[in-house]
Amino acid sequence: MSDTILALYQYVMKNDLFLQYIDDPEEYQSNLTCAQAARDRLQALLNAPAKKELELFLDMKTVADSLELEAAFTSGLAVGLRLLRLV
């Protein structure tokens, strides 16, 4: 991701501009809340080594999800720019 696209991506994410493109923001927020509650419940059931493994897994999943989201943002921007050239 180029510096310009990265800056645009960070701006969009920091200012929650992506929320206007979510079909159901309430459902999105509800899912976030439920996921955090489920994570907290699961952590409460685990012993220390298992909690550490869970955190490692969640950290790796977060990185993978972030890379996927950045790629989707970049490809969406690229497609949008190509469409503008057709007009």
Protein backbone atom coordinates (compact mmCIF):
# COMPACT_ATOMS: atom_id res chain seq x y z
CA MET A 1 0.00 0.00 0.00
CA SER A 2 1.47 3.35 -0.99
CA ASP A 3 1.87 6.11 1.59
CA THR A 4 -0.98 8.11 0.04
CA ILE A 5 -3.41 5.19 0.06
CA LEU A 6 -2.31 4.24 3.58
CA ALA A 7 -2.97 7.80 4.79
CA LEU A 8 -6.43 7.72 3.18
CA TYR A 9 -7.17 4.31 4.70
CA GLN A 10 -6.07 5.45 8.15
CA TYR A 11 -8.22 8.57 7.86
CA VAL A 12 -11.28 6.52 6.90
CA MET A 13 -10.76 4.08 9.76
CA LYS A 14 -9.86 6.68 12.40
CA ASN A 15 -12.93 8.76 11.60
CA ASP A 16 -15.26 5.76 11.23
CA LEU A 17 -16.21 6.85 7.72
CA PHE A 18 -16.61 3.21 6.74
CA LEU A 19 -19.72 3.00 8.94
CA GLN A 20 -21.78 4.91 6.39
CA TYR A 21 -21.27 2.02 3.96
CA ILE A 22 -22.43 -0.68 6.37
CA ASP A 23 -25.99 -1.68 5.51
CA ASP A 24 -27.02 -2.15 9.14
CA PRO A 25 -24.80 -0.21 11.59
CA GLU A 26 -26.87 -1.44 14.56
CA GLU A 27 -26.26 -5.05 13.58
CA TYR A 28 -22.55 -4.28 13.16
CA GLN A 29 -22.36 -2.72 16.64
CA SER A 30 -24.39 -5.55 18.14
CA ASN A 31 -22.01 -8.11 16.65
CA LEU A 32 -19.00 -6.26 18.03
CA THR A 33 -20.55 -6.19 21.50
CA CYS A 34 -21.51 -9.88 21.37
CA ALA A 35 -18.07 -10.90 20.11
CA GLN A 36 -16.34 -9.04 22.94
CA ALA A 37 -18.68 -10.60 25.51
CA ALA A 38 -18.06 -14.08 24.07
CA ARG A 39 -14.31 -13.46 24.16
CA ASP A 40 -14.52 -12.38 27.80
CA ARG A 41 -16.59 -15.46 28.72
CA LEU A 42 -14.16 -17.77 26.95
CA GLN A 43 -11.16 -16.19 28.66
CA ALA A 44 -12.84 -16.67 32.03
CA LEU A 45 -13.07 -20.41 31.35
CA LEU A 46 -9.43 -20.86 30.34
CA ASN A 47 -6.32 -21.48 32.38
CA ALA A 48 -3.29 -19.21 31.94
CA PRO A 49 -1.53 -21.19 29.14
CA ALA A 50 -4.79 -21.52 27.19
CA LYS A 51 -5.49 -17.79 27.61
CA LYS A 52 -2.04 -17.06 26.21
CA GLU A 53 -2.73 -19.29 23.19
CA LEU A 54 -6.09 -17.61 22.66
CA GLU A 55 -4.50 -14.16 22.74
CA LEU A 56 -1.81 -15.28 20.30
CA PHE A 57 -4.46 -16.65 17.95
CA LEU A 58 -6.58 -13.50 18.20
CA ASP A 59 -3.54 -11.29 17.57
CA MET A 60 -2.61 -13.26 14.45
CA LYS A 61 -6.25 -13.20 13.28
CA THR A 62 -6.38 -9.44 13.79
CA VAL A 63 -3.26 -8.97 11.66
CA ALA A 64 -4.66 -11.21 8.91
CA ASP A 65 -8.02 -9.41 9.00
CA SER A 66 -6.29 -6.04 8.86
CA LEU A 67 -4.21 -7.05 5.84
CA GLU A 68 -7.36 -8.32 4.11
CA LEU A 69 -9.23 -5.10 4.91
CA GLU A 70 -6.37 -2.96 3.60
CA ALA A 71 -6.27 -5.01 0.39
CA ALA A 72 -10.04 -4.69 -0.04
CA PHE A 73 -9.81 -0.93 0.49
CA THR A 74 -6.99 -0.62 -2.04
CA SER A 75 -8.79 -2.74 -4.62
CA GLY A 76 -12.04 -0.81 -4.13
CA LEU A 77 -10.19 2.45 -4.62
CA ALA A 78 -8.44 1.10 -7.72
CA VAL A 79 -11.71 -0.09 -9.25
CA GLY A 80 -13.33 3.26 -8.48
CA LEU A 81 -10.49 5.13 -10.18
CA ARG A 82 -10.74 2.87 -13.23
CA LEU A 83 -14.47 3.49 -13.46
CA LEU A 84 -13.87 7.24 -13.33
CA ARG A 85 -11.59 6.93 -16.36
CA LEU A 86 -14.46 5.35 -18.31
CA VAL A 87 -16.76 8.32 -17.73
